[in-house]
Structure formats: structure tokens, C-alpha cells
C-alpha atoms as a PDB file:
ATOM      1  CA  MET A   1     -60.186 -48.018  -3.135  1.00  0.00           C
ATOM      2  CA  ARG A   2     -60.417 -44.505  -1.646  1.00  0.00           C
ATOM      3  CA  LYS A   3     -57.656 -45.246   0.921  1.00  0.00           C
ATOM      4  CA  GLN A   4     -55.468 -46.483  -2.038  1.00  0.00           C
ATOM      5  CA  ALA A   5     -56.038 -43.283  -3.788  1.00  0.00           C
ATOM      6  CA  LYS A   6     -55.158 -41.107  -0.740  1.00  0.00           C
ATOM      7  CA  LEU A   7     -52.085 -43.012  -0.470  1.00  0.00           C
ATOM      8  CA  LEU A   8     -50.967 -42.640  -3.869  1.00  0.00           C
ATOM      9  CA  ALA A   9     -51.806 -38.918  -3.874  1.00  0.00           C
ATOM     10  CA  LEU A  10     -49.504 -38.501  -0.559  1.00  0.00           C
ATOM     11  CA  PHE A  11     -47.001 -40.594  -2.474  1.00  0.00           C
ATOM     12  CA  LEU A  12     -46.881 -38.293  -5.413  1.00  0.00           C
ATOM     13  CA  LEU A  13     -46.916 -35.119  -3.599  1.00  0.00           C
ATOM     14  CA  PHE A  14     -43.847 -36.508  -1.622  1.00  0.00           C
ATOM     15  CA  CYS A  15     -42.119 -37.193  -5.082  1.00  0.00           C
ATOM     16  CA  LEU A  16     -43.056 -33.561  -6.353  1.00  0.00           C
ATOM     17  CA  SER A  17     -41.798 -31.804  -2.912  1.00  0.00           C
ATOM     18  CA  ALA A  18     -38.171 -33.687  -3.070  1.00  0.00           C
ATOM     19  CA  ARG A  19     -37.857 -33.076  -6.847  1.00  0.00           C
ATOM     20  CA  ALA A  20     -38.403 -29.068  -6.044  1.00  0.00           C
ATOM     21  CA  ALA A  21     -36.335 -29.288  -3.588  1.00  0.00           C
ATOM     22  CA  GLN A  22     -33.685 -30.785  -5.566  1.00  0.00           C
ATOM     23  CA  GLN A  23     -34.153 -28.009  -8.101  1.00  0.00           C
ATOM     24  CA  GLY A  24     -33.803 -25.325  -5.710  1.00  0.00           C
ATOM     25  CA  THR A  25     -30.534 -26.848  -4.541  1.00  0.00           C
ATOM     26  CA  THR A  26     -29.028 -27.214  -8.089  1.00  0.00           C
ATOM     27  CA  SER A  27     -30.295 -23.560  -8.908  1.00  0.00           C
ATOM     28  CA  SER A  28     -28.380 -22.412  -5.710  1.00  0.00           C
ATOM     29  CA  LYS A  29     -24.957 -24.247  -6.867  1.00  0.00           C
ATOM     30  CA  GLY A  30     -25.264 -22.932 -10.293  1.00  0.00           C
ATOM     31  CA  SER A  31     -25.797 -19.348  -9.630  1.00  0.00           C
ATOM     32  CA  LYS A  32     -22.421 -19.514  -7.820  1.00  0.00           C
ATOM     33  CA  ALA A  33     -20.620 -20.916 -10.901  1.00  0.00           C
ATOM     34  CA  GLY A  34     -22.571 -18.566 -13.234  1.00  0.00           C
ATOM     35  CA  GLN A  35     -21.949 -15.581 -11.571  1.00  0.00           C
ATOM     36  CA  THR A  36     -22.543 -12.367 -13.452  1.00  0.00           C
ATOM     37  CA  PRO A  37     -19.597 -10.269 -14.295  1.00  0.00           C
ATOM     38  CA  ALA A  38     -20.335  -7.846 -11.831  1.00  0.00           C
ATOM     39  CA  ALA A  39     -20.845  -9.962  -9.011  1.00  0.00           C
ATOM     40  CA  GLN A  40     -17.506 -11.926  -9.951  1.00  0.00           C
ATOM     41  CA  GLN A  41     -15.969  -7.943 -10.209  1.00  0.00           C
ATOM     42  CA  ALA A  42     -17.150  -7.334  -6.763  1.00  0.00           C
ATOM     43  CA  ALA A  43     -16.011 -10.859  -5.095  1.00  0.00           C
ATOM     44  CA  ALA A  44     -12.653  -9.999  -6.910  1.00  0.00           C
ATOM     45  CA  PRO A  45      -9.701  -9.291  -4.069  1.00  0.00           C
ATOM     46  CA  ALA A  46      -9.195  -5.504  -3.237  1.00  0.00           C
ATOM     47  CA  LEU A  47      -6.334  -3.690  -4.602  1.00  0.00           C
ATOM     48  CA  PRO A  48      -3.844  -3.051  -1.566  1.00  0.00           C
ATOM     49  CA  LYS A  49      -3.414   0.016  -0.005  1.00  0.00           C
ATOM     50  CA  ALA A  50      -1.127   2.981  -1.563  1.00  0.00           C
ATOM     51  CA  ALA A  51       1.200   4.192   1.130  1.00  0.00           C
ATOM     52  CA  THR A  52       1.289   7.461  -0.413  1.00  0.00           C
ATOM     53  CA  ASP A  53      -2.036   9.299  -2.271  1.00  0.00           C
ATOM     54  CA  ASP A  54       0.726  11.968  -3.966  1.00  0.00           C
ATOM     55  CA  PRO A  55       0.294  11.384  -7.811  1.00  0.00           C
ATOM     56  CA  GLY A  56       3.518  12.918  -8.034  1.00  0.00           C
ATOM     57  CA  TYR A  57       5.497  10.620  -5.587  1.00  0.00           C
ATOM     58  CA  VAL A  58       8.952   9.715  -7.288  1.00  0.00           C
ATOM     59  CA  ILE A  59       9.616   5.968  -6.962  1.00  0.00           C
ATOM     60  CA  GLY A  60      13.036   5.312  -5.476  1.00  0.00           C
ATOM     61  CA  PRO A  61      15.083   1.969  -4.361  1.00  0.00           C
ATOM     62  CA  GLU A  62      13.821  -0.150  -1.815  1.00  0.00           C
ATOM     63  CA  ASP A  63       9.980   0.972  -2.375  1.00  0.00           C
ATOM     64  CA  ASN A  64       7.546  -1.803  -2.448  1.00  0.00           C
ATOM     65  CA  LEU A  65       5.304  -1.648  -5.744  1.00  0.00           C
ATOM     66  CA  TYR A  66       1.848  -3.781  -6.725  1.00  0.00           C
ATOM     67  CA  ILE A  67       1.862  -3.964 -10.529  1.00  0.00           C
ATOM     68  CA  ASN A  68      -1.500  -5.202 -11.610  1.00  0.00           C
ATOM     69  CA  VAL A  69      -2.158  -6.091 -15.085  1.00  0.00           C
ATOM     70  CA  TRP A  70      -5.798  -6.321 -15.856  1.00  0.00           C
ATOM     71  CA  LYS A  71      -7.119  -9.690 -16.481  1.00  0.00           C
ATOM     72  CA  GLU A  72      -3.540 -11.176 -16.617  1.00  0.00           C
ATOM     73  CA  PRO A  73      -3.006 -12.352 -13.143  1.00  0.00           C
ATOM     74  CA  GLU A  74       0.413 -14.207 -14.231  1.00  0.00           C
ATOM     75  CA  LEU A  75       1.936 -10.731 -14.493  1.00  0.00           C
ATOM     76  CA  THR A  76       0.271  -9.133 -11.288  1.00  0.00           C
ATOM     77  CA  ARG A  77       2.541  -8.987  -8.434  1.00  0.00           C
ATOM     78  CA  LEU A  78       4.202  -7.180  -5.751  1.00  0.00           C
ATOM     79  CA  VAL A  79       7.609  -6.463  -6.567  1.00  0.00           C
ATOM     80  CA  PRO A  80      10.446  -4.444  -4.281  1.00  0.00           C
ATOM     81  CA  VAL A  81      12.442  -2.012  -6.440  1.00  0.00           C
ATOM     82  CA  ARG A  82      16.239  -3.058  -6.230  1.00  0.00           C
ATOM     83  CA  PRO A  83      19.018  -0.829  -5.678  1.00  0.00           C
ATOM     84  CA  ASP A  84      20.026  -0.242  -8.955  1.00  0.00           C
ATOM     85  CA  GLY A  85      16.512   1.383  -9.195  1.00  0.00           C
ATOM     86  CA  LYS A  86      14.645  -1.534 -11.554  1.00  0.00           C
ATOM     87  CA  ILE A  87      12.231  -4.154 -11.071  1.00  0.00           C
ATOM     88  CA  SER A  88      11.683  -7.475 -12.366  1.00  0.00           C
ATOM     89  CA  LEU A  89       8.615  -8.509 -14.882  1.00  0.00           C
ATOM     90  CA  PRO A  90       7.424 -11.457 -16.690  1.00  0.00           C
ATOM     91  CA  LEU A  91       7.889 -10.722 -20.564  1.00  0.00           C
ATOM     92  CA  LEU A  92       9.950  -7.674 -19.840  1.00  0.00           C
ATOM     93  CA  ASN A  93      12.517  -8.871 -17.693  1.00  0.00           C
ATOM     94  CA  ASP A  94      14.253  -5.474 -15.688  1.00  0.00           C
ATOM     95  CA  VAL A  95      11.860  -2.305 -15.984  1.00  0.00           C
ATOM     96  CA  GLN A  96      13.326   1.033 -14.659  1.00  0.00           C
ATOM     97  CA  ALA A  97      11.282   2.366 -11.996  1.00  0.00           C
ATOM     98  CA  ALA A  98      13.315   4.491  -9.896  1.00  0.00           C
ATOM     99  CA  GLY A  99      12.953   8.383 -10.764  1.00  0.00           C
ATOM    100  CA  LEU A 100       9.239   7.742 -12.290  1.00  0.00           C
ATOM    101  CA  THR A 101       6.131   8.502 -10.829  1.00  0.00           C
ATOM    102  CA  PRO A 102       3.561   5.667 -10.390  1.00  0.00           C
ATOM    103  CA  GLU A 103       1.495   6.668 -13.639  1.00  0.00           C
ATOM    104  CA  GLN A 104       4.807   7.041 -15.844  1.00  0.00           C
ATOM    105  CA  LEU A 105       5.920   3.656 -14.690  1.00  0.00           C
ATOM    106  CA  GLY A 106       2.440   2.272 -15.483  1.00  0.00           C
ATOM    107  CA  ALA A 107       2.885   3.730 -18.924  1.00  0.00           C
ATOM    108  CA  SER A 108       6.596   2.513 -19.558  1.00  0.00           C
ATOM    109  CA  ILE A 109       4.878  -1.287 -18.664  1.00  0.00           C
ATOM    110  CA  ARG A 110       2.043  -0.760 -20.523  1.00  0.00           C
ATOM    111  CA  GLU A 111       4.106   0.171 -23.898  1.00  0.00           C
ATOM    112  CA  GLY A 112       6.266  -2.771 -23.368  1.00  0.00           C
ATOM    113  CA  LEU A 113       3.527  -5.527 -22.843  1.00  0.00           C
ATOM    114  CA  LYS A 114       1.729  -4.237 -26.145  1.00  0.00           C
ATOM    115  CA  LYS A 115       4.355  -6.478 -28.067  1.00  0.00           C
ATOM    116  CA  PHE A 116       2.357  -9.686 -26.352  1.00  0.00           C
ATOM    117  CA  ILE A 117      -1.103  -8.101 -25.001  1.00  0.00           C
ATOM    118  CA  SER A 118      -3.560  -6.459 -27.195  1.00  0.00           C
ATOM    119  CA  ASP A 119      -4.527  -3.326 -25.325  1.00  0.00           C
ATOM    120  CA  PRO A 120      -3.213  -3.664 -21.579  1.00  0.00           C
ATOM    121  CA  GLU A 121      -4.280  -1.948 -18.703  1.00  0.00           C
ATOM    122  CA  VAL A 122      -1.533  -1.326 -16.039  1.00  0.00           C
ATOM    123  CA  THR A 123      -2.085   0.090 -12.423  1.00  0.00           C
ATOM    124  CA  VAL A 124       1.057   0.603 -10.514  1.00  0.00           C
ATOM    125  CA  ILE A 125       0.121   1.314  -6.458  1.00  0.00           C
ATOM    126  CA  VAL A 126       3.477   2.138  -4.301  1.00  0.00           C
ATOM    127  CA  THR A 127       2.668  -0.030  -0.921  1.00  0.00           C
ATOM    128  CA  ASN A 128       5.842   0.854   0.929  1.00  0.00           C
ATOM    129  CA  VAL A 129       7.727   3.751   0.958  1.00  0.00           C
ATOM    130  CA  ASN A 130      11.226   2.626   2.101  1.00  0.00           C
ATOM    131  CA  SER A 131      13.452   4.849  -0.325  1.00  0.00           C
ATOM    132  CA  ARG A 132      13.399   7.990   2.085  1.00  0.00           C
ATOM    133  CA  HIS A 133      14.437   8.578   5.234  1.00  0.00           C
ATOM    134  CA  VAL A 134      15.180  10.716   8.016  1.00  0.00           C
ATOM    135  CA  TYR A 135      17.625  10.435  10.627  1.00  0.00           C
ATOM    136  CA  VAL A 136      17.491  10.767  14.353  1.00  0.00           C
ATOM    137  CA  MET A 137      20.807  11.272  16.451  1.00  0.00           C
ATOM    138  CA  GLY A 138      22.094  11.856  19.827  1.00  0.00           C
ATOM    139  CA  GLU A 139      20.428  11.456  23.198  1.00  0.00           C
ATOM    140  CA  VAL A 140      17.596   8.879  22.390  1.00  0.00           C
ATOM    141  CA  SER A 141      17.216   5.272  22.776  1.00  0.00           C
ATOM    142  CA  HIS A 142      16.819   4.187  19.386  1.00  0.00           C
ATOM    143  CA  PRO A 143      19.097   6.419  17.187  1.00  0.00           C
ATOM    144  CA  GLY A 144      19.357   5.685  13.376  1.00  0.00           C
ATOM    145  CA  ALA A 145      17.461   5.808  10.007  1.00  0.00           C
ATOM    146  CA  PHE A 146      14.180   5.381   9.762  1.00  0.00           C
ATOM    147  CA  PRO A 147      11.306   5.677   6.982  1.00  0.00           C
ATOM    148  CA  LEU A 148      10.193   8.917   6.222  1.00  0.00           C
ATOM    149  CA  VAL A 149       6.140   8.473   6.225  1.00  0.00           C
ATOM    150  CA  PRO A 150       4.472  10.843   4.131  1.00  0.00           C
ATOM    151  CA  GLY A 151       3.424  13.674   6.725  1.00  0.00           C
ATOM    152  CA  MET A 152       5.908  12.987   9.238  1.00  0.00           C
ATOM    153  CA  THR A 153       7.049  15.640  11.673  1.00  0.00           C
ATOM    154  CA  VAL A 154       9.586  16.280  14.105  1.00  0.00           C
ATOM    155  CA  LEU A 155       7.936  15.411  16.877  1.00  0.00           C
ATOM    156  CA  GLN A 156       6.448  11.854  15.149  1.00  0.00           C
ATOM    157  CA  ALA A 157       9.815  10.825  14.246  1.00  0.00           C
ATOM    158  CA  LEU A 158      11.279  11.329  17.946  1.00  0.00           C
ATOM    159  CA  ALA A 159       8.328   9.286  18.931  1.00  0.00           C
ATOM    160  CA  THR A 160       9.529   6.634  16.742  1.00  0.00           C
ATOM    161  CA  ALA A 161      13.258   7.089  17.984  1.00  0.00           C
ATOM    162  CA  GLY A 162      12.229   5.872  21.789  1.00  0.00           C
ATOM    163  CA  SER A 163      12.570   7.575  24.633  1.00  0.00           C
ATOM    164  CA  PHE A 164      14.968  10.904  25.514  1.00  0.00           C
ATOM    165  CA  THR A 165      18.069   9.386  27.894  1.00  0.00           C
ATOM    166  CA  GLN A 166      18.524  11.037  31.063  1.00  0.00           C
ATOM    167  CA  PHE A 167      20.945  13.105  29.462  1.00  0.00           C
ATOM    168  CA  ALA A 168      18.620  14.742  26.708  1.00  0.00           C
ATOM    169  CA  ASN A 169      18.623  18.373  26.531  1.00  0.00           C
ATOM    170  CA  ILE A 170      15.274  18.402  24.976  1.00  0.00           C
ATOM    171  CA  LYS A 171      14.923  22.233  24.717  1.00  0.00           C
ATOM    172  CA  GLY A 172      18.204  22.286  22.648  1.00  0.00           C
ATOM    173  CA  ILE A 173      17.237  20.108  19.962  1.00  0.00           C
ATOM    174  CA  TYR A 174      17.422  20.991  16.562  1.00  0.00           C
ATOM    175  CA  LEU A 175      16.925  19.587  12.831  1.00  0.00           C
ATOM    176  CA  LEU A 176      19.404  19.625  10.021  1.00  0.00           C
ATOM    177  CA  ARG A 177      18.337  20.243   6.656  1.00  0.00           C
ATOM    178  CA  SER A 178      20.054  20.766   3.174  1.00  0.00           C
ATOM    179  CA  GLU A 179      18.831  24.018   1.615  1.00  0.00           C
ATOM    180  CA  ASN A 180      20.279  25.393  -1.491  1.00  0.00           C
ATOM    181  CA  GLY A 181      23.209  23.243  -1.088  1.00  0.00           C
ATOM    182  CA  LYS A 182      23.543  24.267   2.552  1.00  0.00           C
ATOM    183  CA  GLN A 183      23.163  22.723   5.762  1.00  0.00           C
ATOM    184  CA  VAL A 184      20.620  24.926   7.861  1.00  0.00           C
ATOM    185  CA  ARG A 185      20.021  24.198  11.324  1.00  0.00           C
ATOM    186  CA  HIS A 186      16.579  24.717  12.900  1.00  0.00           C
ATOM    187  CA  PRO A 187      15.517  24.842  16.417  1.00  0.00           C
ATOM    188  CA  PHE A 188      13.038  22.499  18.285  1.00  0.00           C
ATOM    189  CA  ASN A 189      12.290  22.865  21.721  1.00  0.00           C
ATOM    190  CA  TYR A 190      10.376  19.368  22.488  1.00  0.00           C
ATOM    191  CA  LYS A 191       9.078  20.871  26.072  1.00  0.00           C
ATOM    192  CA  ALA A 192       7.570  23.631  24.513  1.00  0.00           C
ATOM    193  CA  VAL A 193       5.985  22.262  21.699  1.00  0.00           C
ATOM    194  CA  ILE A 194       4.595  19.410  23.801  1.00  0.00           C
ATOM    195  CA  LYS A 195       2.754  22.030  25.559  1.00  0.00           C
ATOM    196  CA  GLY A 196       1.360  23.762  22.743  1.00  0.00           C
ATOM    197  CA  GLN A 197       3.610  26.329  22.383  1.00  0.00           C
ATOM    198  CA  ASN A 198       6.296  26.995  19.204  1.00  0.00           C
ATOM    199  CA  ALA A 199       4.040  24.920  17.181  1.00  0.00           C
ATOM    200  CA  GLU A 200       5.595  26.440  13.621  1.00  0.00           C
ATOM    201  CA  GLN A 201       8.897  24.324  15.084  1.00  0.00           C
ATOM    202  CA  ASN A 202       7.160  20.806  14.451  1.00  0.00           C
ATOM    203  CA  VAL A 203       7.937  20.886  10.870  1.00  0.00           C
ATOM    204  CA  GLU A 204       6.848  18.363   8.166  1.00  0.00           C
ATOM    205  CA  LEU A 205      10.197  16.448   7.394  1.00  0.00           C
ATOM    206  CA  LYS A 206      11.918  16.015   4.207  1.00  0.00           C
ATOM    207  CA  SER A 207      13.981  13.033   2.951  1.00  0.00           C
ATOM    208  CA  GLY A 208      17.095  13.415   4.438  1.00  0.00           C
ATOM    209  CA  ASP A 209      16.405  15.484   7.207  1.00  0.00           C
ATOM    210  CA  THR A 210      18.422  14.817  10.526  1.00  0.00           C
ATOM    211  CA  ILE A 211      17.151  15.634  13.945  1.00  0.00           C
ATOM    212  CA  VAL A 212      19.954  15.709  16.800  1.00  0.00           C
ATOM    213  CA  VAL A 213      19.084  15.490  20.299  1.00  0.00           C
ATOM    214  CA  PRO A 214      22.151  16.839  22.206  1.00  0.00           C
END
């Protein structure tokens, strides 16, 4: 009798242990499906990195924008600004984007969506700046137009254009810039700048600037 009672006790202990393990597994699976809103928000994909942190940046043609409409994944998307300055969005069709800041465009989209969505929340992020260009001409290996990256200097633009040719006059480089309706020439002595001299010549570039390497 004692042996039978011992075996019965072991069998009951085994059954209880198996049941507890099964409940633990079910609880673990259920916790993923029933995440709290905070946990679900933490697991949501992060917003793309902005190409510029300038709140006054004016959107231009060929820029890429990320339009985020909160809790509306069907409306959230990456869109290019067309040459006519407009973007295409569901429900709203064509929306004017060029000439507006991201905040202004977000307000415009928000106003348009109010006809379809109650209290929409819209965020606009500039992911690529393609509407602003600088030009490097002359004796470089890759002359042409280059996207103006925020904070780009003359030295950085020259690096983007590749190496100098054997005929380049690196002491006679100059920057052409439109100022008050006139084209102004600013000297840039590459050899001196890379030696830490004439640092004031390595100015931050503006859209439309042209660097000439004679």
C-alpha cells in the first residue's frame, strides 16, 4: 500500500508540474499578443532621420518627404516632390508642397484630412534634400551639379567632385555667387586652406553657388 501511495503521489506531482509549465508558456505567448499601448509604441518602427533640422527649410521639387499620419498606416508614406512642386496622397490627390516648410505642409494636409478623419495628426519629415544644388566646374575629375548638403563648405564640395586634374590651378579657385542680382567672385586658395590658412575663404555654400577650378 505504501508503495502504491508513493507512486500515486509522484504521478500527481508530475501532472501538477506539467500543468504549471503549460500555463507559463501560454502566459508568455499571451503577453506578446496583449502588449500594453506603451510597449506597442516602443516596438513601433522609428521615424526616418531628417535630412535637415532647419525648421525654416523650404521644400522644393525633387525633395523626398515622409508623411506620417498617426494611427493611419494607409496614409503614412514616403513621397517625392514632383517637378511641378506637388505630392500625391490618398484621399487628397495632389497637394502643393514646394514653397512650404514641413510644418506648413503638415498643417495643409491636416486641414484636408479633416473631411475624412477626426482630428488627424500629421508630421512631415524631409528625408532627402534634392532641390538645392551647387556646381563644381573646371579641372576636376567629376564636374557637375551636386546636392547641397546642410552645412556644406567649398572644401567639402571640391571633395565631392573628385580629384584635381594635372592642369588645375589650385591656388586660383574661385566661388561665383549671386548677390543682390549680381554675380560676385570670391577667391579660394585650396593650398592655403588645407594648411589652416585663409579659413574665412572656406565659406558655407548656398543653393546655386558655382565653384570654378581653372
